[in-house]
Amino acid sequence: MAPKISLKLLVDTKTNRVLFAEAGKEFVDFVFSLLTLPIGAVAKLISAGTMHGSIGRLYESVDRMGVSYLLPGTDKSDLLQPKVLHPDARELLLLQQGGGDGDGDNKSAAPALARFRMFTCAGFCATATVEAKATCPQCKQAMATEVAFVLPSGGGGGGDQGSSEGGYVKGVVTYMVTDGLEVTPMSAISSITMINKFSAGKDAQLAEKYVSVGADEGLALLMEALRSDTVLSDVFLAKKNK
């Protein structure tokens, strides 16, 4: 089960809108990692039939396409279940199956992302493939020995906590994430500026709200990011709007 991420929201209780979230490295790494997902993986995660636009219909067209119309050796799963380069990295764990609350009736839990795997031959020639049945172009042996794909550490600073943890941003910084998922380093000046901009000419009533982000919330964030400019409000305050 993936660990949950804590998030502090600044909410206008009068309009029931999130002004911004105060977030750490884990949440920012997660929202940034959404940009690494292939279109096919996104369609699979959020259910193609519920997607806005044409991608969902395109996905279902491939799913319904008969084998007789495909070129020999074509595997539809390459399109319907595209592999993600590093699904085991911390920033993508929220979208892994079983990362929810452990509730057996949880029907919205995300399906598992296909893991990107690499193979080489038994002789460990200087070649690698994503197809386990491929033939090594050098020694002609089957390339069936799985090898680990190691991502760059992100820099040469051995003492840098952000580099050793992986992900995208440094862990020693607090970040401001707006309702529309704009991310900036947080400071007293930036937060005051945002509050003044939001409350200008309005009778705003601001309050802090603490939420936890797990598999369900991660999937909801992905869905709303594709169709909304008020992502945080839609995900964390939607129930009050009904």
Protein backbone atom coordinates (compact mmCIF):
# COMPACT_ATOMS: atom_id res chain seq x y z
CA MET A 1 0.00 0.00 0.00
CA ALA A 2 1.39 3.38 -1.00
CA PRO A 3 1.83 5.90 1.81
CA LYS A 4 -0.58 8.82 1.90
CA ILE A 5 0.56 12.37 1.37
CA SER A 6 -0.54 15.16 3.71
CA LEU A 7 -1.66 18.45 2.21
CA LYS A 8 -2.71 21.75 3.80
CA LEU A 9 -5.30 23.74 1.88
CA LEU A 10 -6.25 27.37 2.29
CA VAL A 11 -9.99 27.47 1.59
CA ASP A 12 -12.46 30.30 1.16
CA THR A 13 -15.34 28.79 3.11
CA LYS A 14 -17.79 31.34 1.75
CA THR A 15 -17.34 30.31 -1.89
CA ASN A 16 -16.08 26.81 -1.08
CA ARG A 17 -12.97 27.28 -3.21
CA VAL A 18 -9.37 26.30 -2.60
CA LEU A 19 -7.05 29.28 -2.84
CA PHE A 20 -3.87 27.21 -2.77
CA ALA A 21 -2.26 24.20 -1.15
CA GLU A 22 0.88 24.20 0.95
CA ALA A 23 2.72 21.12 -0.31
CA GLY A 24 5.96 19.27 0.20
CA LYS A 25 8.18 17.40 -2.20
CA GLU A 26 6.04 14.24 -2.31
CA PHE A 27 2.91 15.95 -3.63
CA VAL A 28 4.79 18.11 -6.15
CA ASP A 29 6.69 15.06 -7.43
CA PHE A 30 3.37 13.30 -7.89
CA VAL A 31 1.65 16.07 -9.87
CA PHE A 32 4.77 16.58 -11.99
CA SER A 33 4.90 12.83 -12.69
CA LEU A 34 1.46 13.00 -14.31
CA LEU A 35 3.21 14.57 -17.31
CA THR A 36 5.23 11.36 -17.82
CA LEU A 37 2.18 9.14 -18.33
CA PRO A 38 1.52 7.95 -21.92
CA ILE A 39 -1.91 8.84 -23.32
CA GLY A 40 -2.90 5.16 -23.39
CA ALA A 41 -2.01 4.74 -19.72
CA VAL A 42 -4.12 7.78 -18.83
CA ALA A 43 -7.10 6.38 -20.75
CA LYS A 44 -6.73 3.04 -18.96
CA LEU A 45 -6.43 4.63 -15.53
CA ILE A 46 -9.48 6.87 -15.70
CA SER A 47 -11.68 4.63 -17.90
CA ALA A 48 -11.79 5.58 -21.58
CA GLY A 49 -15.60 5.71 -21.64
CA THR A 50 -15.66 8.61 -19.17
CA MET A 51 -12.98 10.74 -20.83
CA HIS A 52 -13.84 14.10 -22.37
CA GLY A 53 -12.78 14.66 -25.97
CA SER A 54 -11.88 11.98 -28.50
CA ILE A 55 -9.05 10.04 -26.81
CA GLY A 56 -11.52 7.78 -25.01
CA ARG A 57 -13.25 6.83 -28.28
CA LEU A 58 -9.87 6.25 -29.94
CA TYR A 59 -8.87 3.95 -27.07
CA GLU A 60 -12.11 1.97 -27.36
CA SER A 61 -11.67 1.71 -31.14
CA VAL A 62 -8.33 -0.03 -30.65
CA ASP A 63 -9.87 -2.27 -27.98
CA ARG A 64 -12.65 -3.36 -30.35
CA MET A 65 -10.42 -3.78 -33.40
CA GLY A 66 -10.43 -7.39 -34.58
CA VAL A 67 -7.13 -9.30 -34.75
CA SER A 68 -7.74 -10.02 -38.45
CA TYR A 69 -7.26 -6.32 -39.22
CA LEU A 70 -3.93 -6.01 -37.41
CA LEU A 71 -0.51 -6.70 -38.84
CA PRO A 72 0.99 -10.06 -37.79
CA GLY A 73 2.83 -9.76 -34.51
CA THR A 74 0.97 -6.58 -33.50
CA ASP A 75 0.05 -6.56 -29.81
CA LYS A 76 -2.85 -4.27 -28.89
CA SER A 77 -1.59 -4.09 -25.32
CA ASP A 78 1.26 -1.87 -26.56
CA LEU A 79 -1.42 0.77 -27.20
CA LEU A 80 -3.98 -0.10 -24.54
CA GLN A 81 -1.52 -0.76 -21.72
CA PRO A 82 1.62 1.22 -22.59
CA LYS A 83 4.45 0.71 -20.16
CA VAL A 84 5.58 3.54 -17.92
CA LEU A 85 9.33 4.05 -17.65
CA HIS A 86 9.51 4.06 -13.86
CA PRO A 87 6.18 3.06 -12.25
CA ASP A 88 7.93 1.90 -9.07
CA ALA A 89 9.27 5.38 -8.33
CA ARG A 90 7.73 7.07 -5.30
CA GLU A 91 6.02 9.80 -7.29
CA LEU A 92 3.88 7.28 -9.21
CA LEU A 93 2.97 4.99 -6.31
CA LEU A 94 -0.34 6.77 -5.79
CA LEU A 95 -1.57 5.43 -9.12
CA GLN A 96 -0.63 1.83 -8.36
CA GLN A 97 -3.34 -0.74 -7.64
CA GLY A 98 -3.87 -1.38 -3.97
CA GLY A 99 -2.66 2.05 -2.94
CA GLY A 100 -6.00 3.11 -1.50
CA ASP A 101 -7.43 2.91 1.97
CA GLY A 102 -7.61 -0.85 2.02
CA ASP A 103 -11.38 -0.72 1.62
CA GLY A 104 -12.55 -3.85 -0.14
CA ASP A 105 -15.45 -1.96 -1.73
CA ASN A 106 -13.15 0.61 -3.27
CA LYS A 107 -14.16 0.44 -6.92
CA SER A 108 -12.30 3.56 -7.97
CA ALA A 109 -8.83 2.24 -7.14
CA ALA A 110 -6.48 2.71 -10.06
CA PRO A 111 -5.46 -0.34 -12.10
CA ALA A 112 -1.82 -1.28 -11.93
CA LEU A 113 0.48 0.50 -14.37
CA ALA A 114 2.44 -1.76 -16.68
CA ARG A 115 6.08 -1.86 -15.61
CA PHE A 116 8.75 -1.00 -18.15
CA ARG A 117 11.19 -3.95 -18.28
CA MET A 118 14.49 -4.39 -20.10
CA PHE A 119 16.27 -7.59 -21.13
CA THR A 120 19.68 -8.65 -22.36
CA CYS A 121 21.24 -11.94 -23.44
CA ALA A 122 22.94 -14.47 -21.17
CA GLY A 123 26.30 -13.23 -22.41
CA PHE A 124 25.48 -9.64 -21.34
CA CYS A 125 26.44 -8.14 -24.69
CA ALA A 126 26.20 -4.37 -24.95
CA THR A 127 22.57 -4.45 -26.09
CA ALA A 128 19.20 -4.35 -24.37
CA THR A 129 15.57 -4.73 -25.44
CA VAL A 130 12.05 -4.42 -24.06
CA GLU A 131 11.04 -7.65 -25.85
CA ALA A 132 12.06 -10.75 -23.90
CA LYS A 133 11.99 -12.99 -27.00
CA ALA A 134 14.25 -10.83 -29.13
CA THR A 135 17.51 -12.21 -30.50
CA CYS A 136 20.77 -10.55 -29.55
CA PRO A 137 22.26 -9.03 -32.73
CA GLN A 138 25.78 -9.89 -31.54
CA CYS A 139 25.75 -13.40 -30.04
CA LYS A 140 22.36 -14.47 -31.49
CA GLN A 141 21.16 -15.76 -28.10
CA ALA A 142 17.68 -15.04 -26.74
CA MET A 143 17.53 -11.80 -24.79
CA ALA A 144 15.63 -13.15 -21.79
CA THR A 145 17.76 -11.99 -18.87
CA GLU A 146 16.07 -9.05 -17.15
CA VAL A 147 18.30 -6.14 -16.21
CA ALA A 148 17.56 -3.16 -14.00
CA PHE A 149 17.01 0.25 -15.54
CA VAL A 150 18.59 2.89 -13.29
CA LEU A 151 17.35 6.46 -13.52
CA PRO A 152 19.76 9.38 -13.18
CA SER A 153 20.23 10.54 -9.60
CA GLY A 154 19.51 14.13 -10.56
CA GLY A 155 22.87 15.67 -9.81
CA GLY A 156 26.31 15.17 -8.38
CA GLY A 157 25.66 16.67 -4.96
CA GLY A 158 25.92 13.61 -2.77
CA GLY A 159 24.72 15.50 0.27
CA ASP A 160 21.64 16.88 -1.47
CA GLN A 161 18.59 15.26 0.03
CA GLY A 162 16.46 15.92 -3.08
CA SER A 163 18.92 14.09 -5.34
CA SER A 164 19.22 11.04 -3.09
CA GLU A 165 15.44 10.74 -2.76
CA GLY A 166 14.78 10.85 -6.48
CA GLY A 167 11.78 12.58 -7.99
CA TYR A 168 11.88 16.07 -9.47
CA VAL A 169 12.08 18.80 -6.82
CA LYS A 170 14.11 19.38 -3.68
CA GLY A 171 12.71 18.24 -0.38
CA VAL A 172 13.93 21.20 1.67
CA VAL A 173 11.42 23.59 0.09
CA THR A 174 7.71 24.16 0.70
CA TYR A 175 5.70 24.69 -2.47
CA MET A 176 2.52 26.57 -3.31
CA VAL A 177 0.12 24.68 -5.57
CA THR A 178 -2.82 26.71 -6.84
CA ASP A 179 -6.31 25.41 -7.55
CA GLY A 180 -5.30 25.11 -11.21
CA LEU A 181 -2.07 23.21 -10.37
CA GLU A 182 0.38 26.06 -10.86
CA VAL A 183 3.42 25.19 -8.74
CA THR A 184 5.87 27.72 -7.30
CA PRO A 185 8.24 27.81 -4.31
CA MET A 186 6.31 29.19 -1.36
CA SER A 187 7.26 32.31 0.57
CA ALA A 188 5.52 34.72 2.90
CA ILE A 189 5.41 37.31 0.12
CA SER A 190 3.98 34.93 -2.49
CA SER A 191 1.27 33.65 -0.13
CA ILE A 192 0.23 37.17 0.92
CA THR A 193 0.17 38.27 -2.73
CA MET A 194 -2.04 35.32 -3.65
CA ILE A 195 -4.41 35.98 -0.74
CA ASN A 196 -4.71 39.66 -1.63
CA LYS A 197 -5.31 38.84 -5.29
CA PHE A 198 -7.99 36.30 -4.42
CA SER A 199 -9.79 38.40 -1.81
CA ALA A 200 -9.61 41.76 -3.59
CA GLY A 201 -13.11 43.25 -3.56
CA LYS A 202 -14.53 40.11 -1.98
CA ASP A 203 -15.74 39.23 1.49
CA ALA A 204 -13.54 36.14 1.76
CA GLN A 205 -13.56 33.86 4.79
CA LEU A 206 -10.33 31.89 4.81
CA ALA A 207 -9.69 28.71 6.75
CA GLU A 208 -7.10 25.93 6.72
CA LYS A 209 -8.11 22.41 5.79
CA TYR A 210 -5.88 19.34 6.08
CA VAL A 211 -6.40 16.47 3.64
CA SER A 212 -4.70 13.18 2.81
CA VAL A 213 -3.87 12.18 -0.75
CA GLY A 214 -3.97 8.47 -1.51
CA ALA A 215 -4.82 6.33 -4.54
CA ASP A 216 -8.41 7.58 -4.89
CA GLU A 217 -7.41 11.22 -4.58
CA GLY A 218 -4.45 10.74 -6.92
CA LEU A 219 -6.70 9.26 -9.57
CA ALA A 220 -9.24 12.04 -9.07
CA LEU A 221 -6.51 14.66 -9.44
CA LEU A 222 -5.48 13.09 -12.75
CA MET A 223 -9.07 13.10 -14.01
CA GLU A 224 -9.77 16.69 -13.01
CA ALA A 225 -6.43 17.95 -14.34
CA LEU A 226 -7.59 16.93 -17.83
CA ARG A 227 -10.82 18.93 -17.71
CA SER A 228 -10.83 21.52 -14.95
CA ASP A 229 -9.18 24.79 -13.90
CA THR A 230 -10.24 24.25 -10.28
CA VAL A 231 -8.65 20.86 -9.67
CA LEU A 232 -8.06 21.03 -5.91
CA SER A 233 -11.56 22.38 -5.22
CA ASP A 234 -13.16 19.72 -7.41
CA VAL A 235 -11.31 16.89 -5.71
CA PHE A 236 -11.26 17.92 -2.07
CA LEU A 237 -14.41 20.06 -1.77
CA ALA A 238 -16.69 18.43 -4.35
CA LYS A 239 -18.84 16.59 -1.79
CA LYS A 240 -19.86 19.87 -0.20
CA ASN A 241 -20.92 21.23 -3.58
CA LYS A 242 -23.44 18.43 -4.13
